[in-house]
Amino acid sequence: MILPPSAAGPRPPPADPNLAQCPICSRAFAKDRLDKHQAICEKSTKKKRKVFDPVKMRVQGTESESYLRKIKSKKPEKQVAPPKKDWRKQHEEFIRNIRAAKKAQAHLGGRRKGG
């Protein structure tokens, strides 16, 4: 992977006496072209580049383009995960309730046969 000059560190000064080094990007240019480059280099370092969207570029000019815009226009809503329920506690409580209901039923009405 090739790193940009800023990440790779400063470059050594050019060996050719006709070249001068840009103080912004450390690239070497002819001395008469350095002023022009510095103006462009300053502009480009101040601008933030847009994120490249390969899907948009690939679909541009096709029938699918109309669908892409519809999908992208919808704002994704933040999905909040529901709090996790402790199913084991719920299950144990459910079983206790059923057993208590059976005991209460047996106590109140007794078990009738032939009903």
N, C-alpha and C. Protein backbone atom coordinates (compact mmCIF):
# COMPACT_ATOMS: atom_id res chain seq x y z
N MET A 1 0.85 -1.18 0.00
CA MET A 1 0.00 0.00 0.00
C MET A 1 0.89 1.23 0.00
N ILE A 2 0.63 2.14 -0.90
CA ILE A 2 1.40 3.37 -0.99
C ILE A 2 0.74 4.43 -0.13
N LEU A 3 1.52 5.03 0.74
CA LEU A 3 1.01 6.05 1.63
C LEU A 3 1.18 7.43 1.02
N PRO A 4 0.26 8.36 1.29
CA PRO A 4 0.45 9.72 0.81
C PRO A 4 1.67 10.35 1.48
N PRO A 5 2.23 11.40 0.88
CA PRO A 5 3.46 11.98 1.42
C PRO A 5 3.33 12.41 2.88
N SER A 6 2.17 12.92 3.27
CA SER A 6 2.02 13.37 4.65
C SER A 6 2.10 12.20 5.62
N ALA A 7 1.61 11.02 5.20
CA ALA A 7 1.63 9.86 6.08
C ALA A 7 3.00 9.17 6.05
N ALA A 8 3.69 9.26 4.92
CA ALA A 8 4.97 8.59 4.77
C ALA A 8 6.11 9.42 5.37
N GLY A 9 5.85 10.67 5.68
CA GLY A 9 6.88 11.54 6.22
C GLY A 9 7.43 12.46 5.14
N PRO A 10 8.27 13.40 5.52
CA PRO A 10 8.80 14.35 4.53
C PRO A 10 9.74 13.65 3.55
N ARG A 11 9.68 14.10 2.32
CA ARG A 11 10.56 13.54 1.29
C ARG A 11 11.91 14.25 1.34
N PRO A 12 12.93 13.57 0.87
CA PRO A 12 14.23 14.24 0.82
C PRO A 12 14.22 15.34 -0.25
N PRO A 13 15.03 16.37 -0.11
CA PRO A 13 15.05 17.43 -1.11
C PRO A 13 15.49 16.86 -2.46
N PRO A 14 14.97 17.45 -3.56
CA PRO A 14 15.29 16.92 -4.89
C PRO A 14 16.79 17.07 -5.20
N ALA A 15 17.32 16.07 -5.89
CA ALA A 15 18.74 16.07 -6.25
C ALA A 15 19.01 17.01 -7.43
N ASP A 16 18.01 17.20 -8.28
CA ASP A 16 18.17 18.06 -9.45
C ASP A 16 18.13 19.53 -9.00
N PRO A 17 19.10 20.34 -9.39
CA PRO A 17 19.11 21.75 -8.97
C PRO A 17 17.99 22.59 -9.60
N ASN A 18 17.35 22.10 -10.66
CA ASN A 18 16.26 22.84 -11.31
C ASN A 18 14.91 22.58 -10.64
N LEU A 19 14.88 21.69 -9.68
CA LEU A 19 13.64 21.34 -9.00
C LEU A 19 13.60 21.97 -7.61
N ALA A 20 12.38 22.29 -7.18
CA ALA A 20 12.17 22.82 -5.84
C ALA A 20 11.06 22.00 -5.18
N GLN A 21 11.11 21.94 -3.87
CA GLN A 21 10.16 21.10 -3.13
C GLN A 21 8.98 21.95 -2.64
N CYS A 22 7.76 21.41 -2.81
CA CYS A 22 6.56 22.09 -2.32
C CYS A 22 6.52 21.96 -0.80
N PRO A 23 6.35 23.08 -0.07
CA PRO A 23 6.32 22.99 1.39
C PRO A 23 5.06 22.30 1.94
N ILE A 24 4.00 22.21 1.12
CA ILE A 24 2.75 21.62 1.59
C ILE A 24 2.75 20.10 1.42
N CYS A 25 3.07 19.64 0.22
CA CYS A 25 2.98 18.19 -0.05
C CYS A 25 4.33 17.52 -0.22
N SER A 26 5.41 18.28 -0.21
CA SER A 26 6.78 17.77 -0.31
C SER A 26 7.11 17.17 -1.67
N ARG A 27 6.32 17.45 -2.68
CA ARG A 27 6.63 16.96 -4.02
C ARG A 27 7.59 17.92 -4.70
N ALA A 28 8.35 17.42 -5.67
CA ALA A 28 9.33 18.24 -6.37
C ALA A 28 8.76 18.74 -7.69
N PHE A 29 8.97 20.04 -7.97
CA PHE A 29 8.51 20.67 -9.21
C PHE A 29 9.59 21.56 -9.76
N ALA A 30 9.47 21.86 -11.05
CA ALA A 30 10.38 22.83 -11.64
C ALA A 30 10.16 24.16 -10.93
N LYS A 31 11.25 24.92 -10.75
CA LYS A 31 11.17 26.16 -9.98
C LYS A 31 10.17 27.15 -10.56
N ASP A 32 10.05 27.19 -11.87
CA ASP A 32 9.10 28.13 -12.48
C ASP A 32 7.65 27.67 -12.33
N ARG A 33 7.40 26.40 -12.00
CA ARG A 33 6.04 25.87 -11.85
C ARG A 33 5.61 25.77 -10.38
N LEU A 34 6.53 25.98 -9.48
CA LEU A 34 6.25 25.78 -8.06
C LEU A 34 5.18 26.74 -7.55
N ASP A 35 5.21 28.01 -7.97
CA ASP A 35 4.20 28.98 -7.51
C ASP A 35 2.80 28.55 -7.92
N LYS A 36 2.65 28.12 -9.17
CA LYS A 36 1.35 27.66 -9.67
C LYS A 36 0.87 26.45 -8.88
N HIS A 37 1.81 25.51 -8.64
CA HIS A 37 1.43 24.32 -7.89
C HIS A 37 1.03 24.66 -6.46
N GLN A 38 1.74 25.54 -5.81
CA GLN A 38 1.44 25.88 -4.42
C GLN A 38 0.03 26.44 -4.28
N ALA A 39 -0.39 27.26 -5.25
CA ALA A 39 -1.75 27.81 -5.19
C ALA A 39 -2.78 26.69 -5.28
N ILE A 40 -2.55 25.74 -6.17
CA ILE A 40 -3.48 24.61 -6.33
C ILE A 40 -3.40 23.68 -5.13
N CYS A 41 -2.22 23.46 -4.63
CA CYS A 41 -2.03 22.55 -3.50
C CYS A 41 -2.70 23.10 -2.25
N GLU A 42 -2.65 24.39 -2.01
CA GLU A 42 -3.32 25.01 -0.87
C GLU A 42 -4.83 24.85 -0.96
N LYS A 43 -5.38 25.07 -2.17
CA LYS A 43 -6.83 24.90 -2.36
C LYS A 43 -7.26 23.46 -2.08
N SER A 44 -6.49 22.53 -2.63
CA SER A 44 -6.90 21.13 -2.52
C SER A 44 -6.77 20.61 -1.09
N THR A 45 -5.86 21.14 -0.29
CA THR A 45 -5.73 20.67 1.08
C THR A 45 -6.83 21.24 1.97
N LYS A 46 -7.40 22.38 1.59
CA LYS A 46 -8.47 22.98 2.39
C LYS A 46 -9.82 22.31 2.13
N LYS A 47 -10.03 21.79 0.93
CA LYS A 47 -11.31 21.18 0.57
C LYS A 47 -11.40 19.77 1.15
N LYS A 48 -12.62 19.44 1.56
CA LYS A 48 -12.87 18.07 1.99
C LYS A 48 -13.51 17.34 0.83
N ARG A 49 -12.95 16.20 0.48
CA ARG A 49 -13.45 15.45 -0.67
C ARG A 49 -14.72 14.71 -0.30
N LYS A 50 -15.62 14.61 -1.29
CA LYS A 50 -16.85 13.84 -1.09
C LYS A 50 -16.51 12.36 -1.10
N VAL A 51 -17.29 11.60 -0.37
CA VAL A 51 -17.11 10.16 -0.35
C VAL A 51 -17.61 9.60 -1.67
N PHE A 52 -16.79 8.79 -2.31
CA PHE A 52 -17.15 8.22 -3.59
C PHE A 52 -18.19 7.13 -3.40
N ASP A 53 -19.27 7.21 -4.18
CA ASP A 53 -20.34 6.22 -4.10
C ASP A 53 -20.34 5.40 -5.39
N PRO A 54 -19.76 4.20 -5.37
CA PRO A 54 -19.67 3.42 -6.60
C PRO A 54 -21.04 2.97 -7.12
N VAL A 55 -22.00 2.76 -6.23
CA VAL A 55 -23.33 2.33 -6.67
C VAL A 55 -23.97 3.45 -7.49
N LYS A 56 -23.86 4.65 -7.01
CA LYS A 56 -24.44 5.79 -7.71
C LYS A 56 -23.82 5.95 -9.10
N MET A 57 -22.51 5.81 -9.18
CA MET A 57 -21.83 5.97 -10.46
C MET A 57 -22.19 4.83 -11.42
N ARG A 58 -22.36 3.63 -10.89
CA ARG A 58 -22.67 2.49 -11.75
C ARG A 58 -24.09 2.55 -12.29
N VAL A 59 -25.02 3.03 -11.47
CA VAL A 59 -26.43 3.04 -11.83
C VAL A 59 -26.79 4.28 -12.66
N GLN A 60 -25.96 5.29 -12.60
CA GLN A 60 -26.24 6.54 -13.30
C GLN A 60 -26.49 6.30 -14.79
N GLY A 61 -27.65 6.77 -15.27
CA GLY A 61 -28.00 6.64 -16.68
C GLY A 61 -28.74 5.36 -17.02
N THR A 62 -29.10 4.55 -16.03
CA THR A 62 -29.83 3.32 -16.28
C THR A 62 -31.24 3.43 -15.70
N GLU A 63 -32.03 2.41 -15.94
CA GLU A 63 -33.40 2.40 -15.43
C GLU A 63 -33.44 2.32 -13.90
N SER A 64 -32.43 1.75 -13.33
CA SER A 64 -32.38 1.56 -11.88
C SER A 64 -32.15 2.87 -11.12
N GLU A 65 -31.76 3.91 -11.83
CA GLU A 65 -31.44 5.17 -11.17
C GLU A 65 -32.63 5.74 -10.40
N SER A 66 -33.83 5.60 -10.96
CA SER A 66 -35.01 6.14 -10.28
C SER A 66 -35.27 5.41 -8.96
N TYR A 67 -34.99 4.12 -8.92
CA TYR A 67 -35.19 3.36 -7.70
C TYR A 67 -34.13 3.71 -6.65
N LEU A 68 -32.93 3.97 -7.09
CA LEU A 68 -31.85 4.30 -6.18
C LEU A 68 -32.16 5.59 -5.43
N ARG A 69 -32.67 6.56 -6.11
CA ARG A 69 -33.00 7.84 -5.46
C ARG A 69 -34.08 7.66 -4.41
N LYS A 70 -35.07 6.81 -4.70
CA LYS A 70 -36.15 6.57 -3.74
C LYS A 70 -35.61 5.91 -2.49
N ILE A 71 -34.72 4.98 -2.65
CA ILE A 71 -34.17 4.27 -1.50
C ILE A 71 -33.29 5.22 -0.68
N LYS A 72 -32.45 5.99 -1.33
CA LYS A 72 -31.52 6.87 -0.63
C LYS A 72 -32.23 8.02 0.05
N SER A 73 -33.40 8.45 -0.47
CA SER A 73 -34.07 9.60 0.10
C SER A 73 -34.66 9.30 1.47
N LYS A 74 -34.96 8.04 1.73
CA LYS A 74 -35.49 7.68 3.03
C LYS A 74 -34.38 7.77 4.07
N LYS A 75 -34.67 8.46 5.15
CA LYS A 75 -33.66 8.58 6.21
C LYS A 75 -33.73 7.33 7.07
N PRO A 76 -32.60 6.71 7.27
CA PRO A 76 -32.63 5.53 8.14
C PRO A 76 -32.90 5.94 9.57
N GLU A 77 -33.86 5.27 10.17
CA GLU A 77 -34.21 5.57 11.55
C GLU A 77 -33.31 4.76 12.47
N LYS A 78 -32.95 5.36 13.55
CA LYS A 78 -32.13 4.64 14.51
C LYS A 78 -33.00 3.58 15.17
N GLN A 79 -32.56 2.37 15.05
CA GLN A 79 -33.33 1.27 15.63
C GLN A 79 -32.81 1.02 17.03
N VAL A 80 -33.67 1.22 17.98
CA VAL A 80 -33.31 0.97 19.36
C VAL A 80 -33.71 -0.45 19.68
N ALA A 81 -32.75 -1.22 20.10
CA ALA A 81 -33.02 -2.61 20.43
C ALA A 81 -33.87 -2.65 21.69
N PRO A 82 -34.94 -3.44 21.66
CA PRO A 82 -35.76 -3.54 22.87
C PRO A 82 -34.93 -4.16 23.98
N PRO A 83 -35.21 -3.77 25.20
CA PRO A 83 -34.43 -4.34 26.30
C PRO A 83 -34.62 -5.85 26.34
N LYS A 84 -33.54 -6.55 26.57
CA LYS A 84 -33.62 -8.01 26.59
C LYS A 84 -34.42 -8.46 27.81
N LYS A 85 -35.35 -9.35 27.57
CA LYS A 85 -36.15 -9.89 28.65
C LYS A 85 -35.48 -11.18 29.11
N ASP A 86 -35.52 -11.37 30.39
CA ASP A 86 -34.94 -12.58 30.94
C ASP A 86 -35.98 -13.69 30.81
N TRP A 87 -35.88 -14.47 29.75
CA TRP A 87 -36.91 -15.46 29.45
C TRP A 87 -36.97 -16.55 30.53
N ARG A 88 -35.84 -16.83 31.13
CA ARG A 88 -35.84 -17.89 32.14
C ARG A 88 -36.68 -17.47 33.36
N LYS A 89 -36.52 -16.21 33.79
CA LYS A 89 -37.32 -15.73 34.92
C LYS A 89 -38.80 -15.70 34.54
N GLN A 90 -39.09 -15.26 33.31
CA GLN A 90 -40.48 -15.23 32.85
C GLN A 90 -41.08 -16.63 32.86
N HIS A 91 -40.30 -17.59 32.38
CA HIS A 91 -40.79 -18.96 32.31
C HIS A 91 -41.07 -19.52 33.71
N GLU A 92 -40.12 -19.29 34.63
CA GLU A 92 -40.31 -19.79 35.99
C GLU A 92 -41.52 -19.14 36.65
N GLU A 93 -41.71 -17.86 36.42
CA GLU A 93 -42.88 -17.18 36.99
C GLU A 93 -44.17 -17.74 36.40
N PHE A 94 -44.16 -18.01 35.11
CA PHE A 94 -45.32 -18.57 34.42
C PHE A 94 -45.68 -19.94 35.02
N ILE A 95 -44.66 -20.77 35.20
CA ILE A 95 -44.89 -22.10 35.78
C ILE A 95 -45.45 -21.98 37.20
N ARG A 96 -44.88 -21.07 38.00
CA ARG A 96 -45.39 -20.87 39.38
C ARG A 96 -46.85 -20.43 39.35
N ASN A 97 -47.19 -19.54 38.44
CA ASN A 97 -48.58 -19.06 38.34
C ASN A 97 -49.53 -20.19 37.96
N ILE A 98 -49.11 -21.03 37.03
CA ILE A 98 -49.97 -22.15 36.63
C ILE A 98 -50.18 -23.11 37.80
N ARG A 99 -49.09 -23.41 38.50
CA ARG A 99 -49.21 -24.33 39.65
C ARG A 99 -50.09 -23.73 40.74
N ALA A 100 -49.94 -22.42 40.98
CA ALA A 100 -50.76 -21.76 42.00
C ALA A 100 -52.23 -21.76 41.57
N ALA A 101 -52.48 -21.56 40.28
CA ALA A 101 -53.86 -21.57 39.78
C ALA A 101 -54.47 -22.96 39.93
N LYS A 102 -53.69 -24.00 39.66
CA LYS A 102 -54.19 -25.37 39.81
C LYS A 102 -54.53 -25.66 41.26
N LYS A 103 -53.67 -25.21 42.19
CA LYS A 103 -53.93 -25.43 43.62
C LYS A 103 -55.18 -24.67 44.05
N ALA A 104 -55.31 -23.44 43.55
CA ALA A 104 -56.48 -22.64 43.91
C ALA A 104 -57.74 -23.28 43.36
N GLN A 105 -57.69 -23.79 42.15
CA GLN A 105 -58.84 -24.44 41.53
C GLN A 105 -59.22 -25.69 42.32
N ALA A 106 -58.23 -26.45 42.72
CA ALA A 106 -58.49 -27.67 43.47
C ALA A 106 -59.06 -27.34 44.84
N HIS A 107 -58.59 -26.28 45.44
CA HIS A 107 -59.06 -25.89 46.76
C HIS A 107 -60.49 -25.35 46.72
N LEU A 108 -60.79 -24.52 45.73
CA LEU A 108 -62.10 -23.88 45.65
C LEU A 108 -63.20 -24.85 45.23
N GLY A 109 -62.99 -25.49 44.13
CA GLY A 109 -64.10 -26.27 43.60
C GLY A 109 -63.91 -27.76 43.76
N GLY A 110 -62.78 -28.16 44.07
CA GLY A 110 -62.55 -29.59 44.10
C GLY A 110 -62.58 -30.12 42.68
N ARG A 111 -62.20 -31.30 42.51
CA ARG A 111 -62.21 -31.85 41.16
C ARG A 111 -63.51 -32.61 40.98
N ARG A 112 -64.26 -32.18 40.01
CA ARG A 112 -65.54 -32.84 39.74
C ARG A 112 -65.39 -33.83 38.62
N LYS A 113 -65.98 -34.95 38.82
CA LYS A 113 -65.92 -35.97 37.77
C LYS A 113 -67.24 -35.95 37.00
N GLY A 114 -67.12 -36.14 35.69
CA GLY A 114 -68.30 -36.28 34.86
C GLY A 114 -68.99 -34.98 34.55
N GLY A 115 -68.42 -33.95 34.62
CA GLY A 115 -68.89 -32.70 34.46
C GLY A 115 -69.67 -31.93 33.69
